[in-house]
Structure formats: structure tokens, C-alpha cells
């Protein structure tokens, strides 16, 4: 997404000056700019659709993309806000939100953030945003992915500092917060289970079901053809035996 200056000069905000503060409502609309490219939109939707399908029976998380996170310690909409390309908050109510307002959400920050890189945002995502997510948000898992050159990296918070995650032999990175691997598959960043299975989209699940149904239909048709062939074979054999004066039922 486009880089927007959002009080980047300060990573921490003072906790004083609380008097005479006008508190904005908790349903603030997102102030995020339009997505950078169609690839960004596809990738963001892919994260959300896959996770919502995998966790379809859960109601204890919130996952969103291109949505503003307001985190001013003075509870002001006009300062200290960020809009990750994708973020996940655990142990919260699963419901629609117009934005994520930290002071309206029991002080909760994202457990996981993924930024989708572009030529205009790469430096900010790798430097300034990484520092904010590490020092202010204290987000345990942070990843970035470039859909153009497939650059992919991940970090886990250890003693207050981001430590690079080590990839598997497939190049996947483990997310403790998701309890899933992240890895590049067909030029997109996807989720994989601990057993190495691709987490599908609902569309992929539907396509798989259609393929299974078609295979079952074809199998049933083959069984029907074999049964008919066997029936014809037995009929010809019975006819031949009768020509020879032998009752096939007596054999």
C-alpha cells in the first residue's frame, strides 16, 4: 500500500496530558489508502479466506487486511495509527469492525502481522514498521512478502527483539501464533498445517469436492459397465451350454 506519513518520528507516546481529552468512538472508520496493486488485494484476501475457512468453527479471533489500527496512548484518532496489510488478533470476539482501536479492545495489539512489500513501501516495512511492531505493538510474529520477486522473511519476538525465523527445507517459516507454516506456493504466500498440508480457500475446497464427486461418478459408471459386461458374458456362456444340451443351472 502507499506510504502515508503517520507521526513516524516517535515510536512511543507519552502517558501524561490525559485531562480534557475527547475520546473518539470505538467504531472509527479505517484511514488506510487504497491497495497498491491487484496482487496486493489478491494476497490479502487469500490470507483472510484461508484462515476464516480453517478456523470456521472458532469465534475467538479477528483477522483483517488494510484496516487502520489506532494505538494512541492519549486515545486520540489524530495520532499514532498504522494499517498493516494483514493482521490477526487472538482471544477476542470475532465480529465485523470498521477499524481496530486498541483502547476499545482491552489494550490488545495484533498477535501476527504480514506486510506485502512493494517498491514504494519496502524500506518502511523493513525498518520503521518493524520497529513499531517490535517496540510498541510487541507483536509476536511479523512477516513480509513481496509478490513480485517472492522475497519472504519472518521474525519472532524474543526478549523484546525480533529474531529471524529459520526456514525449513521447503523454505517455509513457522508461526507460533497461527500454529501454521507460511510458505510460497504458486507465487503466493500460503498457510500450511504442521503436517505440511496446504490450507485451501473455500473455492479450492469446492473444486476438490467437485473433482471427488466426478471421480466417484466415473468409478460408479465403470462398475456399472463391468457388471453389464459380466452379465453379457454369463448370458453367452449359458446360451452356448444350452446349444450343447447342457443345462447351465445344473452346473
C-alpha atoms as a PDB file:
ATOM      1  CA  UNK A   1       0.000   0.000   0.000  1.00  0.00           C
ATOM      2  CA  UNK A   2       1.072   3.609  -0.390  1.00  0.00           C
ATOM      3  CA  UNK A   3       3.301   5.092   2.257  1.00  0.00           C
ATOM      4  CA  UNK A   4       1.475   7.664   4.360  1.00  0.00           C
ATOM      5  CA  UNK A   5       3.290   9.751   6.987  1.00  0.00           C
ATOM      6  CA  UNK A   6       1.719   8.883  10.338  1.00  0.00           C
ATOM      7  CA  UNK A   7       3.730  10.520  13.127  1.00  0.00           C
ATOM      8  CA  UNK A   8       6.713   8.347  12.250  1.00  0.00           C
ATOM      9  CA  UNK A   9       9.180  10.422  14.255  1.00  0.00           C
ATOM     10  CA  UNK A  10       8.030   8.920  17.550  1.00  0.00           C
ATOM     11  CA  UNK A  11       7.665   5.247  18.338  1.00  0.00           C
ATOM     12  CA  UNK A  12       6.474   5.849  21.903  1.00  0.00           C
ATOM     13  CA  UNK A  13       3.815   8.301  23.060  1.00  0.00           C
ATOM     14  CA  UNK A  14       3.633   9.992  26.470  1.00  0.00           C
ATOM     15  CA  UNK A  15       1.126   8.758  29.002  1.00  0.00           C
ATOM     16  CA  UNK A  16       0.511  12.150  30.573  1.00  0.00           C
ATOM     17  CA  UNK A  17      -1.688  15.011  29.381  1.00  0.00           C
ATOM     18  CA  UNK A  18      -4.830  12.957  29.951  1.00  0.00           C
ATOM     19  CA  UNK A  19      -7.004  15.920  31.003  1.00  0.00           C
ATOM     20  CA  UNK A  20      -9.628  17.376  28.701  1.00  0.00           C
ATOM     21  CA  UNK A  21      -9.193  14.588  26.141  1.00  0.00           C
ATOM     22  CA  UNK A  22     -12.159  13.985  23.860  1.00  0.00           C
ATOM     23  CA  UNK A  23     -12.446  10.253  23.320  1.00  0.00           C
ATOM     24  CA  UNK A  24     -13.455   9.207  19.806  1.00  0.00           C
ATOM     25  CA  UNK A  25     -15.958   6.365  19.365  1.00  0.00           C
ATOM     26  CA  UNK A  26     -14.730   2.800  19.090  1.00  0.00           C
ATOM     27  CA  UNK A  27     -16.160   2.248  15.603  1.00  0.00           C
ATOM     28  CA  UNK A  28     -13.746   4.597  13.843  1.00  0.00           C
ATOM     29  CA  UNK A  29     -13.511   4.105  10.120  1.00  0.00           C
ATOM     30  CA  UNK A  30     -10.245   2.984   8.589  1.00  0.00           C
ATOM     31  CA  UNK A  31      -7.980   5.712   7.212  1.00  0.00           C
ATOM     32  CA  UNK A  32      -5.911   3.391   5.059  1.00  0.00           C
ATOM     33  CA  UNK A  33      -5.010   4.341   1.453  1.00  0.00           C
ATOM     34  CA  UNK A  34      -6.025   2.165  -1.492  1.00  0.00           C
ATOM     35  CA  UNK A  35      -4.147  -1.078  -2.014  1.00  0.00           C
ATOM     36  CA  UNK A  36      -1.024  -0.731  -4.116  1.00  0.00           C
ATOM     37  CA  UNK A  37      -1.736  -3.385  -6.759  1.00  0.00           C
ATOM     38  CA  UNK A  38      -4.156  -6.139  -7.661  1.00  0.00           C
ATOM     39  CA  UNK A  39      -1.541  -8.630  -6.424  1.00  0.00           C
ATOM     40  CA  UNK A  40      -1.729  -6.972  -3.004  1.00  0.00           C
ATOM     41  CA  UNK A  41      -5.502  -7.356  -2.969  1.00  0.00           C
ATOM     42  CA  UNK A  42      -5.344 -10.998  -4.052  1.00  0.00           C
ATOM     43  CA  UNK A  43      -2.759 -11.841  -1.422  1.00  0.00           C
ATOM     44  CA  UNK A  44      -4.593 -10.058   1.373  1.00  0.00           C
ATOM     45  CA  UNK A  45      -7.898 -11.769   0.531  1.00  0.00           C
ATOM     46  CA  UNK A  46      -6.096 -15.106   0.322  1.00  0.00           C
ATOM     47  CA  UNK A  47      -4.884 -14.785   3.916  1.00  0.00           C
ATOM     48  CA  UNK A  48      -8.344 -13.896   5.188  1.00  0.00           C
ATOM     49  CA  UNK A  49     -10.276 -16.525   3.222  1.00  0.00           C
ATOM     50  CA  UNK A  50      -7.905 -19.367   4.125  1.00  0.00           C
ATOM     51  CA  UNK A  51      -7.794 -18.531   7.811  1.00  0.00           C
ATOM     52  CA  UNK A  52     -11.552 -17.967   8.060  1.00  0.00           C
ATOM     53  CA  UNK A  53     -12.167 -21.334   6.413  1.00  0.00           C
ATOM     54  CA  UNK A  54      -9.627 -23.167   8.590  1.00  0.00           C
ATOM     55  CA  UNK A  55     -10.984 -21.563  11.762  1.00  0.00           C
ATOM     56  CA  UNK A  56     -14.627 -21.551  10.678  1.00  0.00           C
ATOM     57  CA  UNK A  57     -15.685 -23.115  13.985  1.00  0.00           C
ATOM     58  CA  UNK A  58     -13.801 -20.573  16.102  1.00  0.00           C
ATOM     59  CA  UNK A  59     -15.140 -17.278  17.430  1.00  0.00           C
ATOM     60  CA  UNK A  60     -12.096 -16.072  19.362  1.00  0.00           C
ATOM     61  CA  UNK A  61     -10.087 -14.116  16.799  1.00  0.00           C
ATOM     62  CA  UNK A  62     -10.191 -11.145  14.446  1.00  0.00           C
ATOM     63  CA  UNK A  63      -8.358 -11.165  11.119  1.00  0.00           C
ATOM     64  CA  UNK A  64      -8.364  -8.225   8.720  1.00  0.00           C
ATOM     65  CA  UNK A  65      -6.449  -6.507   5.959  1.00  0.00           C
ATOM     66  CA  UNK A  66      -5.760  -2.882   5.065  1.00  0.00           C
ATOM     67  CA  UNK A  67      -7.558  -1.797   8.227  1.00  0.00           C
ATOM     68  CA  UNK A  68      -6.353   1.009  10.500  1.00  0.00           C
ATOM     69  CA  UNK A  69      -5.029   0.221  13.971  1.00  0.00           C
ATOM     70  CA  UNK A  70      -5.349   3.210  16.316  1.00  0.00           C
ATOM     71  CA  UNK A  71      -2.962   2.979  19.264  1.00  0.00           C
ATOM     72  CA  UNK A  72      -2.506   6.460  20.723  1.00  0.00           C
ATOM     73  CA  UNK A  73      -1.846   6.284  24.475  1.00  0.00           C
ATOM     74  CA  UNK A  74      -3.877   9.519  24.718  1.00  0.00           C
ATOM     75  CA  UNK A  75      -6.730   7.810  22.892  1.00  0.00           C
ATOM     76  CA  UNK A  76      -6.658  10.264  20.004  1.00  0.00           C
ATOM     77  CA  UNK A  77      -7.601   9.294  16.475  1.00  0.00           C
ATOM     78  CA  UNK A  78      -5.325  12.019  15.096  1.00  0.00           C
ATOM     79  CA  UNK A  79      -2.060  10.398  16.207  1.00  0.00           C
ATOM     80  CA  UNK A  80      -0.310   7.060  16.152  1.00  0.00           C
ATOM     81  CA  UNK A  81      -2.139   4.803  13.740  1.00  0.00           C
ATOM     82  CA  UNK A  82      -0.999   2.116  11.320  1.00  0.00           C
ATOM     83  CA  UNK A  83      -2.637  -0.107   8.732  1.00  0.00           C
ATOM     84  CA  UNK A  84      -0.928  -3.475   8.219  1.00  0.00           C
ATOM     85  CA  UNK A  85      -1.751  -5.360   5.030  1.00  0.00           C
ATOM     86  CA  UNK A  86      -2.878  -8.287   7.184  1.00  0.00           C
ATOM     87  CA  UNK A  87      -3.111  -8.714  10.930  1.00  0.00           C
ATOM     88  CA  UNK A  88      -4.513 -11.208  13.405  1.00  0.00           C
ATOM     89  CA  UNK A  89      -5.665 -10.656  16.975  1.00  0.00           C
ATOM     90  CA  UNK A  90      -6.299 -13.695  19.165  1.00  0.00           C
ATOM     91  CA  UNK A  91      -8.546 -14.107  22.210  1.00  0.00           C
ATOM     92  CA  UNK A  92     -11.041 -11.515  21.047  1.00  0.00           C
ATOM     93  CA  UNK A  93     -14.590 -11.555  19.721  1.00  0.00           C
ATOM     94  CA  UNK A  94     -15.000 -12.496  16.083  1.00  0.00           C
ATOM     95  CA  UNK A  95     -17.189  -9.710  14.727  1.00  0.00           C
ATOM     96  CA  UNK A  96     -17.041  -7.052  11.987  1.00  0.00           C
ATOM     97  CA  UNK A  97     -15.085  -3.888  12.812  1.00  0.00           C
ATOM     98  CA  UNK A  98     -14.533  -0.647  10.921  1.00  0.00           C
ATOM     99  CA  UNK A  99     -11.071  -0.298  12.472  1.00  0.00           C
ATOM    100  CA  UNK A 100      -9.055  -1.729  15.359  1.00  0.00           C
ATOM    101  CA  UNK A 101      -8.995   0.725  18.266  1.00  0.00           C
ATOM    102  CA  UNK A 102      -6.582  -0.558  20.903  1.00  0.00           C
ATOM    103  CA  UNK A 103      -8.125   1.362  23.800  1.00  0.00           C
ATOM    104  CA  UNK A 104     -11.537  -0.053  22.907  1.00  0.00           C
ATOM    105  CA  UNK A 105     -10.218  -3.625  22.666  1.00  0.00           C
ATOM    106  CA  UNK A 106      -8.833  -4.168  26.176  1.00  0.00           C
ATOM    107  CA  UNK A 107      -5.446  -2.840  25.070  1.00  0.00           C
ATOM    108  CA  UNK A 108      -4.921  -5.728  22.651  1.00  0.00           C
ATOM    109  CA  UNK A 109      -2.442  -5.427  19.778  1.00  0.00           C
ATOM    110  CA  UNK A 110      -2.065  -7.860  16.866  1.00  0.00           C
ATOM    111  CA  UNK A 111      -0.526 -11.257  17.566  1.00  0.00           C
ATOM    112  CA  UNK A 112       0.620 -11.519  13.960  1.00  0.00           C
ATOM    113  CA  UNK A 113       1.248  -9.041  11.153  1.00  0.00           C
ATOM    114  CA  UNK A 114       2.081  -9.641   7.485  1.00  0.00           C
ATOM    115  CA  UNK A 115       3.164  -6.789   5.221  1.00  0.00           C
ATOM    116  CA  UNK A 116       3.033  -7.141   1.437  1.00  0.00           C
ATOM    117  CA  UNK A 117       6.059  -5.351   0.031  1.00  0.00           C
ATOM    118  CA  UNK A 118       6.252  -3.052  -2.967  1.00  0.00           C
ATOM    119  CA  UNK A 119       8.926  -0.758  -4.346  1.00  0.00           C
ATOM    120  CA  UNK A 120       7.369   2.220  -2.561  1.00  0.00           C
ATOM    121  CA  UNK A 121       6.779   0.563   0.839  1.00  0.00           C
ATOM    122  CA  UNK A 122       9.606  -1.959   1.174  1.00  0.00           C
ATOM    123  CA  UNK A 123      12.005   0.251   3.145  1.00  0.00           C
ATOM    124  CA  UNK A 124       9.271   1.393   5.527  1.00  0.00           C
ATOM    125  CA  UNK A 125       8.009  -2.159   6.090  1.00  0.00           C
ATOM    126  CA  UNK A 126      11.516  -3.448   6.805  1.00  0.00           C
ATOM    127  CA  UNK A 127      12.629  -0.599   9.032  1.00  0.00           C
ATOM    128  CA  UNK A 128      10.139   1.808  10.601  1.00  0.00           C
ATOM    129  CA  UNK A 129       7.138  -0.524  10.734  1.00  0.00           C
ATOM    130  CA  UNK A 130       9.284  -3.376  12.010  1.00  0.00           C
ATOM    131  CA  UNK A 131      10.458  -1.155  14.874  1.00  0.00           C
ATOM    132  CA  UNK A 132       6.905  -0.092  15.697  1.00  0.00           C
ATOM    133  CA  UNK A 133       5.617  -3.673  15.660  1.00  0.00           C
ATOM    134  CA  UNK A 134       8.566  -4.732  17.832  1.00  0.00           C
ATOM    135  CA  UNK A 135       8.793  -1.865  20.311  1.00  0.00           C
ATOM    136  CA  UNK A 136       5.218  -0.563  20.549  1.00  0.00           C
ATOM    137  CA  UNK A 137       2.851  -3.296  19.404  1.00  0.00           C
ATOM    138  CA  UNK A 138       5.009  -6.115  20.790  1.00  0.00           C
ATOM    139  CA  UNK A 139       3.551  -8.295  18.058  1.00  0.00           C
ATOM    140  CA  UNK A 140       4.998 -11.819  18.492  1.00  0.00           C
ATOM    141  CA  UNK A 141       5.101 -12.790  14.784  1.00  0.00           C
ATOM    142  CA  UNK A 142       5.985 -10.454  11.909  1.00  0.00           C
ATOM    143  CA  UNK A 143       6.343 -11.475   8.261  1.00  0.00           C
ATOM    144  CA  UNK A 144       6.817  -9.701   4.952  1.00  0.00           C
ATOM    145  CA  UNK A 145       6.332 -10.945   1.410  1.00  0.00           C
ATOM    146  CA  UNK A 146       6.993  -9.402  -1.991  1.00  0.00           C
ATOM    147  CA  UNK A 147       4.548 -10.757  -4.631  1.00  0.00           C
ATOM    148  CA  UNK A 148       6.797  -9.523  -7.452  1.00  0.00           C
ATOM    149  CA  UNK A 149      10.154 -11.119  -6.586  1.00  0.00           C
ATOM    150  CA  UNK A 150       8.807 -13.578  -3.943  1.00  0.00           C
ATOM    151  CA  UNK A 151      11.075 -12.237  -1.186  1.00  0.00           C
ATOM    152  CA  UNK A 152       9.857 -13.727   2.084  1.00  0.00           C
ATOM    153  CA  UNK A 153      11.061 -13.280   5.668  1.00  0.00           C
ATOM    154  CA  UNK A 154       9.690 -13.757   9.145  1.00  0.00           C
ATOM    155  CA  UNK A 155      10.540 -12.806  12.714  1.00  0.00           C
ATOM    156  CA  UNK A 156       9.522 -13.874  16.203  1.00  0.00           C
ATOM    157  CA  UNK A 157       9.731 -11.658  19.272  1.00  0.00           C
ATOM    158  CA  UNK A 158      12.316 -12.966  21.745  1.00  0.00           C
ATOM    159  CA  UNK A 159      13.081 -10.915  24.874  1.00  0.00           C
ATOM    160  CA  UNK A 160      11.632  -7.839  23.201  1.00  0.00           C
ATOM    161  CA  UNK A 161      13.642  -8.171  19.994  1.00  0.00           C
ATOM    162  CA  UNK A 162      12.713  -9.661  16.635  1.00  0.00           C
ATOM    163  CA  UNK A 163      14.771 -12.747  15.829  1.00  0.00           C
ATOM    164  CA  UNK A 164      14.762 -14.060  12.214  1.00  0.00           C
ATOM    165  CA  UNK A 165      12.917 -17.340  11.731  1.00  0.00           C
ATOM    166  CA  UNK A 166      14.863 -20.183  10.165  1.00  0.00           C
ATOM    167  CA  UNK A 167      13.227 -21.756   7.104  1.00  0.00           C
ATOM    168  CA  UNK A 168      12.533 -25.438   6.635  1.00  0.00           C
ATOM    169  CA  UNK A 169      13.959 -27.382   3.697  1.00  0.00           C
ATOM    170  CA  UNK A 170      10.903 -26.233   1.701  1.00  0.00           C
ATOM    171  CA  UNK A 171      11.613 -22.610   2.592  1.00  0.00           C
ATOM    172  CA  UNK A 172       8.633 -22.402   4.962  1.00  0.00           C
ATOM    173  CA  UNK A 173       8.558 -20.401   8.204  1.00  0.00           C
ATOM    174  CA  UNK A 174       6.695 -21.445  11.348  1.00  0.00           C
ATOM    175  CA  UNK A 175       4.249 -19.089  13.053  1.00  0.00           C
ATOM    176  CA  UNK A 176       3.719 -19.843  16.726  1.00  0.00           C
ATOM    177  CA  UNK A 177       0.670 -17.590  16.818  1.00  0.00           C
ATOM    178  CA  UNK A 178      -1.049 -19.325  13.904  1.00  0.00           C
ATOM    179  CA  UNK A 179       0.339 -22.763  14.685  1.00  0.00           C
ATOM    180  CA  UNK A 180       0.869 -22.945  10.932  1.00  0.00           C
ATOM    181  CA  UNK A 181       3.690 -22.699   8.422  1.00  0.00           C
ATOM    182  CA  UNK A 182       3.866 -19.883   5.884  1.00  0.00           C
ATOM    183  CA  UNK A 183       5.419 -20.661   2.525  1.00  0.00           C
ATOM    184  CA  UNK A 184       5.426 -19.622  -1.113  1.00  0.00           C
ATOM    185  CA  UNK A 185       3.179 -21.779  -3.312  1.00  0.00           C
ATOM    186  CA  UNK A 186       2.427 -20.941  -6.949  1.00  0.00           C
ATOM    187  CA  UNK A 187       3.895 -17.439  -6.463  1.00  0.00           C
ATOM    188  CA  UNK A 188       1.680 -16.649  -3.474  1.00  0.00           C
ATOM    189  CA  UNK A 189       2.226 -16.804   0.263  1.00  0.00           C
ATOM    190  CA  UNK A 190       0.102 -19.582   1.695  1.00  0.00           C
ATOM    191  CA  UNK A 191      -0.605 -21.292   5.009  1.00  0.00           C
ATOM    192  CA  UNK A 192       0.365 -24.925   5.615  1.00  0.00           C
ATOM    193  CA  UNK A 193      -0.537 -27.204   8.523  1.00  0.00           C
ATOM    194  CA  UNK A 194       2.083 -28.745  10.787  1.00  0.00           C
ATOM    195  CA  UNK A 195       1.639 -31.907   8.697  1.00  0.00           C
ATOM    196  CA  UNK A 196       2.555 -29.976   5.552  1.00  0.00           C
ATOM    197  CA  UNK A 197      -0.916 -29.796   4.025  1.00  0.00           C
ATOM    198  CA  UNK A 198      -1.928 -26.668   2.128  1.00  0.00           C
ATOM    199  CA  UNK A 199      -4.712 -24.698   3.828  1.00  0.00           C
ATOM    200  CA  UNK A 200      -7.228 -24.261   0.998  1.00  0.00           C
ATOM    201  CA  UNK A 201      -9.579 -21.449   0.127  1.00  0.00           C
ATOM    202  CA  UNK A 202     -13.329 -22.184   0.143  1.00  0.00           C
ATOM    203  CA  UNK A 203     -13.194 -22.116  -3.666  1.00  0.00           C
ATOM    204  CA  UNK A 204     -10.428 -24.707  -3.685  1.00  0.00           C
ATOM    205  CA  UNK A 205     -12.410 -26.881  -1.281  1.00  0.00           C
ATOM    206  CA  UNK A 206     -15.450 -26.647  -3.558  1.00  0.00           C
ATOM    207  CA  UNK A 207     -13.316 -27.533  -6.585  1.00  0.00           C
ATOM    208  CA  UNK A 208     -11.858 -30.526  -4.749  1.00  0.00           C
ATOM    209  CA  UNK A 209     -15.349 -31.692  -3.801  1.00  0.00           C
ATOM    210  CA  UNK A 210     -16.473 -31.385  -7.420  1.00  0.00           C
ATOM    211  CA  UNK A 211     -13.462 -33.386  -8.584  1.00  0.00           C
ATOM    212  CA  UNK A 212     -14.120 -36.069  -5.973  1.00  0.00           C
ATOM    213  CA  UNK A 213     -17.778 -36.228  -6.978  1.00  0.00           C
ATOM    214  CA  UNK A 214     -16.810 -36.544 -10.650  1.00  0.00           C
ATOM    215  CA  UNK A 215     -14.292 -39.291  -9.857  1.00  0.00           C
ATOM    216  CA  UNK A 216     -16.921 -41.142  -7.830  1.00  0.00           C
ATOM    217  CA  UNK A 217     -19.381 -40.791 -10.692  1.00  0.00           C
ATOM    218  CA  UNK A 218     -16.826 -42.181 -13.139  1.00  0.00           C
ATOM    219  CA  UNK A 219     -15.989 -45.045 -10.758  1.00  0.00           C
ATOM    220  CA  UNK A 220     -19.667 -45.927 -10.424  1.00  0.00           C
ATOM    221  CA  UNK A 221     -20.039 -45.828 -14.209  1.00  0.00           C
ATOM    222  CA  UNK A 222     -17.076 -48.176 -14.650  1.00  0.00           C
ATOM    223  CA  UNK A 223     -18.542 -50.561 -12.093  1.00  0.00           C
ATOM    224  CA  UNK A 224     -21.848 -50.491 -13.945  1.00  0.00           C
ATOM    225  CA  UNK A 225     -20.105 -51.230 -17.251  1.00  0.00           C
ATOM    226  CA  UNK A 226     -18.150 -54.117 -15.714  1.00  0.00           C
ATOM    227  CA  UNK A 227     -21.354 -55.559 -14.243  1.00  0.00           C
ATOM    228  CA  UNK A 228     -23.079 -55.303 -17.630  1.00  0.00           C
ATOM    229  CA  UNK A 229     -20.120 -56.948 -19.383  1.00  0.00           C
ATOM    230  CA  UNK A 230     -20.143 -59.762 -16.838  1.00  0.00           C
ATOM    231  CA  UNK A 231     -23.879 -60.191 -17.332  1.00  0.00           C
ATOM    232  CA  UNK A 232     -23.460 -60.414 -21.125  1.00  0.00           C
ATOM    233  CA  UNK A 233     -20.595 -62.862 -20.706  1.00  0.00           C
ATOM    234  CA  UNK A 234     -22.692 -65.134 -18.490  1.00  0.00           C
ATOM    235  CA  UNK A 235     -25.619 -64.908 -20.935  1.00  0.00           C
ATOM    236  CA  UNK A 236     -23.434 -66.015 -23.875  1.00  0.00           C
ATOM    237  CA  UNK A 237     -21.940 -68.837 -21.834  1.00  0.00           C
ATOM    238  CA  UNK A 238     -25.412 -70.071 -20.807  1.00  0.00           C
ATOM    239  CA  UNK A 239     -26.580 -69.927 -24.425  1.00  0.00           C
ATOM    240  CA  UNK A 240     -23.559 -71.956 -25.571  1.00  0.00           C
ATOM    241  CA  UNK A 241     -24.128 -74.609 -22.929  1.00  0.00           C
ATOM    242  CA  UNK A 242     -27.743 -74.965 -23.969  1.00  0.00           C
ATOM    243  CA  UNK A 243     -26.617 -75.438 -27.587  1.00  0.00           C
ATOM    244  CA  UNK A 244     -24.535 -78.347 -26.313  1.00  0.00           C
ATOM    245  CA  UNK A 245     -27.524 -79.796 -24.479  1.00  0.00           C
ATOM    246  CA  UNK A 246     -26.283 -78.807 -21.047  1.00  0.00           C
ATOM    247  CA  UNK A 247     -28.498 -77.070 -18.540  1.00  0.00           C
ATOM    248  CA  UNK A 248     -26.338 -74.207 -17.152  1.00  0.00           C
ATOM    249  CA  UNK A 249     -28.387 -74.202 -13.937  1.00  0.00           C
ATOM    250  CA  UNK A 250     -27.328 -77.787 -13.233  1.00  0.00           C
ATOM    251  CA  UNK A 251     -23.637 -76.965 -13.259  1.00  0.00           C
END
